PDB file of N, CA and C in Angstrom:
ATOM      1  N   UNK A   1       0.853  -1.150  -0.039  1.00  0.00           N
ATOM      2  CA  UNK A   1       0.068   0.117   0.044  1.00  0.00           C
ATOM      3  C   UNK A   1       0.911   1.386   0.183  1.00  0.00           C
ATOM      4  N   UNK A   2       0.643   2.137  -1.074  1.00  0.00           N
ATOM      5  CA  UNK A   2       1.427   3.358  -0.956  1.00  0.00           C
ATOM      6  C   UNK A   2       0.449   4.466  -0.364  1.00  0.00           C
ATOM      7  N   UNK A   3       1.152   5.270   0.613  1.00  0.00           N
ATOM      8  CA  UNK A   3       0.477   6.409   1.265  1.00  0.00           C
ATOM      9  C   UNK A   3       0.980   7.736   0.689  1.00  0.00           C
ATOM     10  N   UNK A   4       0.086   8.406   0.244  1.00  0.00           N
ATOM     11  CA  UNK A   4       0.399   9.732  -0.299  1.00  0.00           C
ATOM     12  C   UNK A   4       0.107  10.983   0.609  1.00  0.00           C
ATOM     13  N   UNK A   5       0.958  11.759   1.098  1.00  0.00           N
ATOM     14  CA  UNK A   5       0.968  12.615   2.084  1.00  0.00           C
ATOM     15  C   UNK A   5       0.542  14.049   1.195  1.00  0.00           C
ATOM     16  N   UNK A   6      -0.648  14.484   1.677  1.00  0.00           N
ATOM     17  CA  UNK A   6      -1.039  16.012   1.156  1.00  0.00           C
ATOM     18  C   UNK A   6      -1.017  16.944   2.426  1.00  0.00           C
ATOM     19  N   UNK A   7      -0.026  17.790   2.256  1.00  0.00           N
ATOM     20  CA  UNK A   7       0.149  18.841   3.409  1.00  0.00           C
ATOM     21  C   UNK A   7      -0.171  20.190   2.501  1.00  0.00           C
ATOM     22  N   UNK A   8      -1.212  20.797   3.337  1.00  0.00           N
ATOM     23  CA  UNK A   8      -1.611  22.126   2.794  1.00  0.00           C
ATOM     24  C   UNK A   8      -1.002  23.296   3.320  1.00  0.00           C
ATOM     25  N   UNK A   9      -0.565  23.059   4.539  1.00  0.00           N
ATOM     26  CA  UNK A   9      -0.020  24.406   5.022  1.00  0.00           C
ATOM     27  C   UNK A   9       1.564  24.041   5.586  1.00  0.00           C
ATOM     28  N   UNK A  10       2.359  24.773   5.303  1.00  0.00           N
ATOM     29  CA  UNK A  10       3.781  24.659   5.744  1.00  0.00           C
ATOM     30  C   UNK A  10       4.072  25.428   7.181  1.00  0.00           C
ATOM     31  N   UNK A  11       5.031  25.064   7.914  1.00  0.00           N
ATOM     32  CA  UNK A  11       5.487  25.594   8.942  1.00  0.00           C
ATOM     33  C   UNK A  11       6.096  26.956   8.892  1.00  0.00           C
ATOM     34  N   UNK A  12       5.762  28.111   9.728  1.00  0.00           N
ATOM     35  CA  UNK A  12       6.506  29.120   9.606  1.00  0.00           C
ATOM     36  C   UNK A  12       7.562  29.062  10.656  1.00  0.00           C
ATOM     37  N   UNK A  13       8.951  29.234  10.168  1.00  0.00           N
ATOM     38  CA  UNK A  13       9.941  29.238  11.076  1.00  0.00           C
ATOM     39  C   UNK A  13      10.788  30.321  11.385  1.00  0.00           C
ATOM     40  N   UNK A  14      10.224  31.362  11.009  1.00  0.00           N
ATOM     41  CA  UNK A  14      10.743  32.512  11.489  1.00  0.00           C
ATOM     42  C   UNK A  14      12.027  32.971  10.750  1.00  0.00           C
ATOM     43  N   UNK A  15      12.476  32.472   9.804  1.00  0.00           N
ATOM     44  CA  UNK A  15      13.530  32.555   8.683  1.00  0.00           C
ATOM     45  C   UNK A  15      13.296  32.401   7.245  1.00  0.00           C
ATOM     46  N   UNK A  16      14.160  32.918   6.373  1.00  0.00           N
ATOM     47  CA  UNK A  16      14.076  32.644   5.057  1.00  0.00           C
ATOM     48  C   UNK A  16      14.573  31.223   4.873  1.00  0.00           C
ATOM     49  N   UNK A  17      13.347  30.259   4.561  1.00  0.00           N
ATOM     50  CA  UNK A  17      13.962  28.822   4.601  1.00  0.00           C
ATOM     51  C   UNK A  17      14.554  28.463   3.280  1.00  0.00           C
ATOM     52  N   UNK A  18      14.105  29.208   2.164  1.00  0.00           N
ATOM     53  CA  UNK A  18      14.858  28.892   0.794  1.00  0.00           C
ATOM     54  C   UNK A  18      16.266  29.615   0.872  1.00  0.00           C
ATOM     55  N   UNK A  19      16.404  30.593   1.492  1.00  0.00           N
ATOM     56  CA  UNK A  19      17.929  30.996   1.560  1.00  0.00           C
ATOM     57  C   UNK A  19      18.680  30.196   2.558  1.00  0.00           C
ATOM     58  N   UNK A  20      18.025  29.686   3.584  1.00  0.00           N
ATOM     59  CA  UNK A  20      18.995  28.744   4.417  1.00  0.00           C
ATOM     60  C   UNK A  20      19.387  27.380   3.840  1.00  0.00           C
ATOM     61  N   UNK A  21      18.287  27.140   3.156  1.00  0.00           N
ATOM     62  CA  UNK A  21      18.315  25.694   2.488  1.00  0.00           C
ATOM     63  C   UNK A  21      19.383  25.874   1.603  1.00  0.00           C
ATOM     64  N   UNK A  22      19.648  26.779   0.666  1.00  0.00           N
ATOM     65  CA  UNK A  22      20.479  27.127  -0.339  1.00  0.00           C
ATOM     66  C   UNK A  22      21.946  27.140   0.273  1.00  0.00           C
ATOM     67  N   UNK A  23      22.041  27.937   1.378  1.00  0.00           N
ATOM     68  CA  UNK A  23      23.460  27.969   1.992  1.00  0.00           C
ATOM     69  C   UNK A  23      23.713  26.727   2.522  1.00  0.00           C
ATOM     70  N   UNK A  24      22.649  25.876   2.986  1.00  0.00           N
ATOM     71  CA  UNK A  24      23.120  24.798   3.690  1.00  0.00           C
ATOM     72  C   UNK A  24      23.659  23.664   2.550  1.00  0.00           C
ATOM     73  N   UNK A  25      22.945  23.631   1.472  1.00  0.00           N
ATOM     74  CA  UNK A  25      23.211  22.757   0.293  1.00  0.00           C
ATOM     75  C   UNK A  25      24.558  23.092  -0.257  1.00  0.00           C
ATOM     76  N   UNK A  26      24.999  24.337  -0.158  1.00  0.00           N
ATOM     77  CA  UNK A  26      26.370  24.561  -0.747  1.00  0.00           C
ATOM     78  C   UNK A  26      27.673  24.476   0.670  1.00  0.00           C
ATOM     79  N   UNK A  27      27.210  24.600   1.621  1.00  0.00           N
ATOM     80  CA  UNK A  27      28.385  24.458   2.771  1.00  0.00           C
ATOM     81  C   UNK A  27      28.263  23.185   3.476  1.00  0.00           C
ATOM     82  N   UNK A  28      27.403  22.168   3.519  1.00  0.00           N
ATOM     83  CA  UNK A  28      27.543  21.235   4.143  1.00  0.00           C
ATOM     84  C   UNK A  28      28.356  20.094   3.258  1.00  0.00           C
ATOM     85  N   UNK A  29      29.731  19.892   3.921  1.00  0.00           N
ATOM     86  CA  UNK A  29      30.675  19.058   2.932  1.00  0.00           C
ATOM     87  C   UNK A  29      30.234  17.869   2.407  1.00  0.00           C
ATOM     88  N   UNK A  30      29.442  17.121   2.871  1.00  0.00           N
ATOM     89  CA  UNK A  30      28.941  15.736   2.369  1.00  0.00           C
ATOM     90  C   UNK A  30      28.005  16.032   1.412  1.00  0.00           C
ATOM     91  N   UNK A  31      26.885  16.911   1.658  1.00  0.00           N
ATOM     92  CA  UNK A  31      25.972  17.160   0.636  1.00  0.00           C
ATOM     93  C   UNK A  31      26.520  17.901  -0.476  1.00  0.00           C
ATOM     94  N   UNK A  32      27.291  18.555  -0.408  1.00  0.00           N
ATOM     95  CA  UNK A  32      27.885  19.145  -1.525  1.00  0.00           C
ATOM     96  C   UNK A  32      28.909  18.450  -2.242  1.00  0.00           C
ATOM     97  N   UNK A  33      29.403  17.424  -1.745  1.00  0.00           N
ATOM     98  CA  UNK A  33      30.508  16.676  -2.481  1.00  0.00           C
ATOM     99  C   UNK A  33      29.383  15.406  -3.208  1.00  0.00           C
ATOM    100  N   UNK A  34      28.456  14.996  -2.571  1.00  0.00           N
ATOM    101  CA  UNK A  34      27.926  13.954  -3.081  1.00  0.00           C
ATOM    102  C   UNK A  34      26.607  14.182  -3.968  1.00  0.00           C
ATOM    103  N   UNK A  35      26.001  15.474  -3.845  1.00  0.00           N
ATOM    104  CA  UNK A  35      24.786  15.793  -4.461  1.00  0.00           C
ATOM    105  C   UNK A  35      25.100  17.126  -5.324  1.00  0.00           C
ATOM    106  N   UNK A  36      25.286  18.128  -4.582  1.00  0.00           N
ATOM    107  CA  UNK A  36      25.449  19.593  -5.132  1.00  0.00           C
ATOM    108  C   UNK A  36      26.564  19.551  -6.418  1.00  0.00           C
ATOM    109  N   UNK A  37      27.693  19.419  -5.988  1.00  0.00           N
ATOM    110  CA  UNK A  37      28.599  19.443  -7.085  1.00  0.00           C
ATOM    111  C   UNK A  37      28.375  18.688  -8.433  1.00  0.00           C
ATOM    112  N   UNK A  38      27.985  17.391  -8.253  1.00  0.00           N
ATOM    113  CA  UNK A  38      27.696  16.558  -9.448  1.00  0.00           C
ATOM    114  C   UNK A  38      26.522  17.290 -10.263  1.00  0.00           C
ATOM    115  N   UNK A  39      25.605  17.742  -9.694  1.00  0.00           N
ATOM    116  CA  UNK A  39      24.501  18.425 -10.384  1.00  0.00           C
ATOM    117  C   UNK A  39      24.986  19.623 -11.157  1.00  0.00           C
ATOM    118  N   UNK A  40      25.833  20.471 -10.346  1.00  0.00           N
ATOM    119  CA  UNK A  40      26.347  21.666 -11.141  1.00  0.00           C
ATOM    120  C   UNK A  40      27.428  21.217 -12.196  1.00  0.00           C
ATOM    121  N   UNK A  41      28.154  20.176 -11.924  1.00  0.00           N
ATOM    122  CA  UNK A  41      28.960  19.757 -13.216  1.00  0.00           C
ATOM    123  C   UNK A  41      28.190  19.220 -14.334  1.00  0.00           C
ATOM    124  N   UNK A  42      27.354  18.476 -14.036  1.00  0.00           N
ATOM    125  CA  UNK A  42      26.347  18.062 -15.179  1.00  0.00           C
ATOM    126  C   UNK A  42      25.784  19.311 -15.826  1.00  0.00           C
ATOM    127  N   UNK A  43      25.296  20.413 -15.083  1.00  0.00           N
ATOM    128  CA  UNK A  43      24.625  21.578 -15.914  1.00  0.00           C
ATOM    129  C   UNK A  43      25.788  22.182 -16.741  1.00  0.00           C
ATOM    130  N   UNK A  44      27.000  22.241 -16.213  1.00  0.00           N
ATOM    131  CA  UNK A  44      28.257  23.179 -16.848  1.00  0.00           C
ATOM    132  C   UNK A  44      28.440  22.235 -18.071  1.00  0.00           C
ATOM    133  N   UNK A  45      28.360  20.819 -17.989  1.00  0.00           N
ATOM    134  CA  UNK A  45      28.622  19.811 -19.451  1.00  0.00           C
ATOM    135  C   UNK A  45      27.460  20.287 -20.280  1.00  0.00           C
ATOM    136  N   UNK A  46      26.255  20.364 -19.804  1.00  0.00           N
ATOM    137  CA  UNK A  46      25.197  20.657 -20.907  1.00  0.00           C
ATOM    138  C   UNK A  46      25.521  22.082 -21.447  1.00  0.00           C
ATOM    139  N   UNK A  47      25.744  22.909 -20.612  1.00  0.00           N
ATOM    140  CA  UNK A  47      26.075  24.345 -21.510  1.00  0.00           C
ATOM    141  C   UNK A  47      27.145  24.388 -22.161  1.00  0.00           C
ATOM    142  N   UNK A  48      28.230  23.641 -21.664  1.00  0.00           N
ATOM    143  CA  UNK A  48      29.445  23.761 -22.700  1.00  0.00           C
ATOM    144  C   UNK A  48      29.305  22.981 -24.047  1.00  0.00           C
ATOM    145  N   UNK A  49      28.431  21.981 -23.844  1.00  0.00           N
ATOM    146  CA  UNK A  49      28.139  21.294 -25.122  1.00  0.00           C
ATOM    147  C   UNK A  49      26.796  22.023 -25.996  1.00  0.00           C
ATOM    148  N   UNK A  50      26.308  23.248 -25.643  1.00  0.00           N
ATOM    149  CA  UNK A  50      25.568  23.955 -26.305  1.00  0.00           C
ATOM    150  C   UNK A  50      24.159  23.376 -26.201  1.00  0.00           C
ATOM    151  N   UNK A  51      23.896  22.407 -25.157  1.00  0.00           N
ATOM    152  CA  UNK A  51      22.506  22.024 -24.965  1.00  0.00           C
ATOM    153  C   UNK A  51      21.801  22.977 -23.949  1.00  0.00           C
ATOM    154  N   UNK A  52      20.477  22.840 -24.229  1.00  0.00           N
ATOM    155  CA  UNK A  52      19.637  23.902 -23.453  1.00  0.00           C
ATOM    156  C   UNK A  52      19.537  23.157 -22.006  1.00  0.00           C
ATOM    157  N   UNK A  53      19.718  24.127 -20.989  1.00  0.00           N
ATOM    158  CA  UNK A  53      19.774  23.824 -19.348  1.00  0.00           C
ATOM    159  C   UNK A  53      18.587  24.073 -19.001  1.00  0.00           C
ATOM    160  N   UNK A  54      17.652  23.041 -18.581  1.00  0.00           N
ATOM    161  CA  UNK A  54      16.248  23.345 -18.067  1.00  0.00           C
ATOM    162  C   UNK A  54      16.444  23.339 -16.374  1.00  0.00           C
ATOM    163  N   UNK A  55      16.084  24.322 -15.985  1.00  0.00           N
ATOM    164  CA  UNK A  55      16.482  24.500 -14.539  1.00  0.00           C
ATOM    165  C   UNK A  55      15.643  23.277 -13.621  1.00  0.00           C
ATOM    166  N   UNK A  56      14.358  23.111 -14.004  1.00  0.00           N
ATOM    167  CA  UNK A  56      13.582  22.045 -13.237  1.00  0.00           C
ATOM    168  C   UNK A  56      14.189  20.588 -13.524  1.00  0.00           C
ATOM    169  N   UNK A  57      14.404  20.347 -14.983  1.00  0.00           N
ATOM    170  CA  UNK A  57      14.790  19.145 -15.119  1.00  0.00           C
ATOM    171  C   UNK A  57      16.229  18.743 -14.227  1.00  0.00           C
ATOM    172  N   UNK A  58      16.876  19.777 -14.255  1.00  0.00           N
ATOM    173  CA  UNK A  58      18.330  19.640 -13.822  1.00  0.00           C
ATOM    174  C   UNK A  58      18.648  19.600 -12.309  1.00  0.00           C
ATOM    175  N   UNK A  59      17.468  20.254 -11.519  1.00  0.00           N
ATOM    176  CA  UNK A  59      17.640  20.794 -10.185  1.00  0.00           C
ATOM    177  C   UNK A  59      16.563  20.051  -9.273  1.00  0.00           C
ATOM    178  N   UNK A  60      15.520  19.505  -9.869  1.00  0.00           N
ATOM    179  CA  UNK A  60      14.279  19.075  -8.898  1.00  0.00           C
ATOM    180  C   UNK A  60      14.765  18.037  -8.044  1.00  0.00           C
ATOM    181  N   UNK A  61      15.454  16.956  -8.465  1.00  0.00           N
ATOM    182  CA  UNK A  61      15.976  15.996  -7.556  1.00  0.00           C
ATOM    183  C   UNK A  61      17.025  16.306  -6.620  1.00  0.00           C
ATOM    184  N   UNK A  62      17.804  17.436  -7.142  1.00  0.00           N
ATOM    185  CA  UNK A  62      18.855  17.902  -6.190  1.00  0.00           C
ATOM    186  C   UNK A  62      18.100  18.725  -5.009  1.00  0.00           C
ATOM    187  N   UNK A  63      16.958  19.621  -5.157  1.00  0.00           N
ATOM    188  CA  UNK A  63      16.283  20.086  -4.567  1.00  0.00           C
ATOM    189  C   UNK A  63      15.442  19.341  -3.435  1.00  0.00           C
ATOM    190  N   UNK A  64      14.838  18.285  -3.984  1.00  0.00           N
ATOM    191  CA  UNK A  64      14.088  17.162  -3.029  1.00  0.00           C
ATOM    192  C   UNK A  64      15.181  16.619  -2.034  1.00  0.00           C
ATOM    193  N   UNK A  65      16.348  16.288  -2.503  1.00  0.00           N
ATOM    194  CA  UNK A  65      17.122  15.654  -1.749  1.00  0.00           C
ATOM    195  C   UNK A  65      17.649  16.699  -0.412  1.00  0.00           C
ATOM    196  N   UNK A  66      18.027  17.934  -1.114  1.00  0.00           N
ATOM    197  CA  UNK A  66      18.421  18.886  -0.220  1.00  0.00           C
ATOM    198  C   UNK A  66      17.277  19.369   0.800  1.00  0.00           C
ATOM    199  N   UNK A  67      15.981  19.411   0.478  1.00  0.00           N
ATOM    200  CA  UNK A  67      15.254  19.498   1.454  1.00  0.00           C
ATOM    201  C   UNK A  67      15.107  18.366   2.604  1.00  0.00           C
ATOM    202  N   UNK A  68      15.069  17.248   2.054  1.00  0.00           N
ATOM    203  CA  UNK A  68      15.118  16.058   2.885  1.00  0.00           C
ATOM    204  C   UNK A  68      16.389  16.204   4.012  1.00  0.00           C
ATOM    205  N   UNK A  69      17.513  16.348   3.466  1.00  0.00           N
ATOM    206  CA  UNK A  69      18.711  16.204   4.076  1.00  0.00           C
ATOM    207  C   UNK A  69      18.578  17.506   5.223  1.00  0.00           C
ATOM    208  N   UNK A  70      18.062  18.679   4.690  1.00  0.00           N
ATOM    209  CA  UNK A  70      18.101  19.640   5.710  1.00  0.00           C
ATOM    210  C   UNK A  70      17.145  19.495   6.763  1.00  0.00           C
ATOM    211  N   UNK A  71      16.090  18.945   6.722  1.00  0.00           N
ATOM    212  CA  UNK A  71      14.963  18.450   7.513  1.00  0.00           C
ATOM    213  C   UNK A  71      15.736  17.326   8.499  1.00  0.00           C
ATOM    214  N   UNK A  72      16.466  16.567   7.968  1.00  0.00           N
ATOM    215  CA  UNK A  72      16.952  15.434   8.893  1.00  0.00           C
ATOM    216  C   UNK A  72      18.008  16.268   9.809  1.00  0.00           C
ATOM    217  N   UNK A  73      18.927  16.747   9.024  1.00  0.00           N
ATOM    218  CA  UNK A  73      20.021  17.460   9.725  1.00  0.00           C
ATOM    219  C   UNK A  73      19.594  18.330  11.124  1.00  0.00           C
ATOM    220  N   UNK A  74      18.501  19.270  10.852  1.00  0.00           N
ATOM    221  CA  UNK A  74      18.068  20.107  11.828  1.00  0.00           C
ATOM    222  C   UNK A  74      16.875  19.680  12.613  1.00  0.00           C
ATOM    223  N   UNK A  75      16.581  18.474  12.230  1.00  0.00           N
ATOM    224  CA  UNK A  75      15.153  17.853  12.997  1.00  0.00           C
ATOM    225  C   UNK A  75      14.048  18.846  12.991  1.00  0.00           C
ATOM    226  N   UNK A  76      13.825  19.232  11.631  1.00  0.00           N
ATOM    227  CA  UNK A  76      12.687  20.195  11.489  1.00  0.00           C
ATOM    228  C   UNK A  76      11.160  19.278  11.294  1.00  0.00           C
ATOM    229  N   UNK A  77      11.327  18.029  10.577  1.00  0.00           N
ATOM    230  CA  UNK A  77       9.945  17.389  10.467  1.00  0.00           C
ATOM    231  C   UNK A  77      10.377  16.110  10.028  1.00  0.00           C
ATOM    232  N   UNK A  78       9.416  15.108  10.162  1.00  0.00           N
ATOM    233  CA  UNK A  78       9.695  13.782   9.712  1.00  0.00           C
ATOM    234  C   UNK A  78       9.441  13.827   8.200  1.00  0.00           C
ATOM    235  N   UNK A  79       8.904  14.748   7.729  1.00  0.00           N
ATOM    236  CA  UNK A  79       8.771  14.587   6.044  1.00  0.00           C
ATOM    237  C   UNK A  79       8.966  16.045   5.684  1.00  0.00           C
ATOM    238  N   UNK A  80       9.870  16.391   4.541  1.00  0.00           N
ATOM    239  CA  UNK A  80       9.947  17.747   4.019  1.00  0.00           C
ATOM    240  C   UNK A  80       8.849  18.314   3.677  1.00  0.00           C
ATOM    241  N   UNK A  81       7.802  17.615   3.207  1.00  0.00           N
ATOM    242  CA  UNK A  81       6.410  18.346   2.717  1.00  0.00           C
ATOM    243  C   UNK A  81       5.813  19.124   4.088  1.00  0.00           C
ATOM    244  N   UNK A  82       6.133  18.778   5.115  1.00  0.00           N
ATOM    245  CA  UNK A  82       5.633  19.529   6.334  1.00  0.00           C
ATOM    246  C   UNK A  82       6.363  20.694   6.460  1.00  0.00           C
ATOM    247  N   UNK A  83       7.531  21.095   5.819  1.00  0.00           N
ATOM    248  CA  UNK A  83       8.311  22.306   5.884  1.00  0.00           C
ATOM    249  C   UNK A  83       8.255  23.163   4.628  1.00  0.00           C
ATOM    250  N   UNK A  84       8.395  22.596   3.460  1.00  0.00           N
ATOM    251  CA  UNK A  84       8.415  23.042   2.259  1.00  0.00           C
ATOM    252  C   UNK A  84       7.052  22.929   1.560  1.00  0.00           C
ATOM    253  N   UNK A  85       6.825  24.242   0.954  1.00  0.00           N
ATOM    254  CA  UNK A  85       5.716  24.277   0.078  1.00  0.00           C
ATOM    255  C   UNK A  85       6.155  23.882  -1.409  1.00  0.00           C
ATOM    256  N   UNK A  86       5.633  23.714  -2.537  1.00  0.00           N
ATOM    257  CA  UNK A  86       5.921  23.650  -3.783  1.00  0.00           C
ATOM    258  C   UNK A  86       6.413  25.040  -4.212  1.00  0.00           C
ATOM    259  N   UNK A  87       5.909  26.158  -3.667  1.00  0.00           N
ATOM    260  CA  UNK A  87       6.489  27.553  -4.157  1.00  0.00           C
ATOM    261  C   UNK A  87       8.016  27.707  -3.441  1.00  0.00           C
ATOM    262  N   UNK A  88       8.205  26.962  -2.279  1.00  0.00           N
ATOM    263  CA  UNK A  88       9.688  27.073  -1.580  1.00  0.00           C
ATOM    264  C   UNK A  88      10.759  26.181  -2.546  1.00  0.00           C
ATOM    265  N   UNK A  89      10.207  25.027  -3.036  1.00  0.00           N
ATOM    266  CA  UNK A  89      10.950  24.234  -3.812  1.00  0.00           C
ATOM    267  C   UNK A  89      11.091  24.945  -5.227  1.00  0.00           C
ATOM    268  N   UNK A  90      10.230  25.538  -5.819  1.00  0.00           N
ATOM    269  CA  UNK A  90      10.313  26.425  -7.019  1.00  0.00           C
ATOM    270  C   UNK A  90      11.336  27.563  -6.731  1.00  0.00           C
ATOM    271  N   UNK A  91      11.054  28.152  -5.787  1.00  0.00           N
ATOM    272  CA  UNK A  91      12.120  29.371  -5.413  1.00  0.00           C
ATOM    273  C   UNK A  91      13.434  29.028  -5.265  1.00  0.00           C
ATOM    274  N   UNK A  92      13.436  27.793  -4.666  1.00  0.00           N
ATOM    275  CA  UNK A  92      15.102  27.134  -4.547  1.00  0.00           C
ATOM    276  C   UNK A  92      15.557  26.849  -5.704  1.00  0.00           C
ATOM    277  N   UNK A  93      15.026  26.306  -6.715  1.00  0.00           N
ATOM    278  CA  UNK A  93      15.369  25.843  -8.055  1.00  0.00           C
ATOM    279  C   UNK A  93      15.704  27.087  -8.720  1.00  0.00           C
ATOM    280  N   UNK A  94      14.895  28.120  -8.666  1.00  0.00           N
ATOM    281  CA  UNK A  94      15.111  29.356  -9.550  1.00  0.00           C
ATOM    282  C   UNK A  94      16.677  30.146  -8.902  1.00  0.00           C
ATOM    283  N   UNK A  95      16.616  30.107  -7.508  1.00  0.00           N
ATOM    284  CA  UNK A  95      17.815  30.676  -6.820  1.00  0.00           C
ATOM    285  C   UNK A  95      18.825  30.183  -7.070  1.00  0.00           C
ATOM    286  N   UNK A  96      18.969  28.795  -7.087  1.00  0.00           N
ATOM    287  CA  UNK A  96      20.227  27.935  -7.443  1.00  0.00           C
ATOM    288  C   UNK A  96      20.695  28.089  -8.717  1.00  0.00           C
ATOM    289  N   UNK A  97      19.536  28.044  -9.449  1.00  0.00           N
ATOM    290  CA  UNK A  97      19.951  28.047 -11.239  1.00  0.00           C
ATOM    291  C   UNK A  97      20.446  29.392 -11.549  1.00  0.00           C
ATOM    292  N   UNK A  98      19.733  30.596 -11.095  1.00  0.00           N
ATOM    293  CA  UNK A  98      20.429  31.717 -11.510  1.00  0.00           C
ATOM    294  C   UNK A  98      21.780  32.060 -10.948  1.00  0.00           C
ATOM    295  N   UNK A  99      21.942  31.825  -9.824  1.00  0.00           N
ATOM    296  CA  UNK A  99      23.506  31.909  -9.162  1.00  0.00           C
ATOM    297  C   UNK A  99      24.385  30.899  -9.852  1.00  0.00           C
ATOM    298  N   UNK A 100      24.157  29.991 -10.096  1.00  0.00           N
ATOM    299  CA  UNK A 100      24.902  28.793 -10.333  1.00  0.00           C
ATOM    300  C   UNK A 100      25.398  28.830 -12.001  1.00  0.00           C
ATOM    301  N   UNK A 101      24.285  29.416 -12.890  1.00  0.00           N
ATOM    302  CA  UNK A 101      24.465  29.537 -14.270  1.00  0.00           C
ATOM    303  C   UNK A 101      25.524  30.785 -14.533  1.00  0.00           C
ATOM    304  N   UNK A 102      25.403  31.510 -13.604  1.00  0.00           N
ATOM    305  CA  UNK A 102      26.168  32.946 -13.841  1.00  0.00           C
ATOM    306  C   UNK A 102      27.774  32.294 -13.709  1.00  0.00           C
ATOM    307  N   UNK A 103      27.837  31.536 -12.656  1.00  0.00           N
ATOM    308  CA  UNK A 103      29.344  31.011 -12.308  1.00  0.00           C
ATOM    309  C   UNK A 103      29.735  29.963 -13.474  1.00  0.00           C
ATOM    310  N   UNK A 104      28.813  29.185 -14.004  1.00  0.00           N
ATOM    311  CA  UNK A 104      29.042  28.122 -15.138  1.00  0.00           C
ATOM    312  C   UNK A 104      29.439  28.972 -16.178  1.00  0.00           C
ATOM    313  N   UNK A 105      28.864  30.005 -16.715  1.00  0.00           N
ATOM    314  CA  UNK A 105      29.113  30.773 -17.811  1.00  0.00           C
ATOM    315  C   UNK A 105      30.545  31.548 -17.580  1.00  0.00           C
ATOM    316  N   UNK A 106      31.130  31.540 -16.498  1.00  0.00           N
ATOM    317  CA  UNK A 106      32.420  32.174 -16.306  1.00  0.00           C
ATOM    318  C   UNK A 106      33.403  31.051 -16.180  1.00  0.00           C
ATOM    319  N   UNK A 107      32.987  29.843 -16.411  1.00  0.00           N
ATOM    320  CA  UNK A 107      33.961  28.690 -16.374  1.00  0.00           C
ATOM    321  C   UNK A 107      34.300  27.715 -15.122  1.00  0.00           C
ATOM    322  N   UNK A 108      33.176  27.948 -14.000  1.00  0.00           N
ATOM    323  CA  UNK A 108      33.099  27.204 -13.075  1.00  0.00           C
ATOM    324  C   UNK A 108      32.639  25.813 -13.231  1.00  0.00           C
ATOM    325  N   UNK A 109      32.975  24.783 -12.515  1.00  0.00           N
ATOM    326  CA  UNK A 109      32.607  23.371 -12.218  1.00  0.00           C
ATOM    327  C   UNK A 109      33.161  22.681 -13.754  1.00  0.00           C
ATOM    328  N   UNK A 110      34.135  22.894 -14.138  1.00  0.00           N
ATOM    329  CA  UNK A 110      34.900  22.441 -15.301  1.00  0.00           C
ATOM    330  C   UNK A 110      35.900  21.352 -14.873  1.00  0.00           C
TER     331      UNK A 110
END
């Protein structure tokens, strides 16, 4: 039996969850090494090859893993959907994509 969680309201944590999660994903050594850097390197390879880089295709799994890891590390919730709305996830994708694409265009992640 598969259970589907539907959370309609997220917690107000008193800080910018998107910014804090973004900083965590970049600065946690294990997460960065295993998840973040490989995703950025893949985006850089696509960009170098002249292929279109779709932010949601490239970053959705990374953001899902980042939200889960962040919740576990800081014991915020049993399931990240209790903390993150879809808007939060989309904002996180947009933030990471815009910041990292600037670096990729300057030659980072080669």
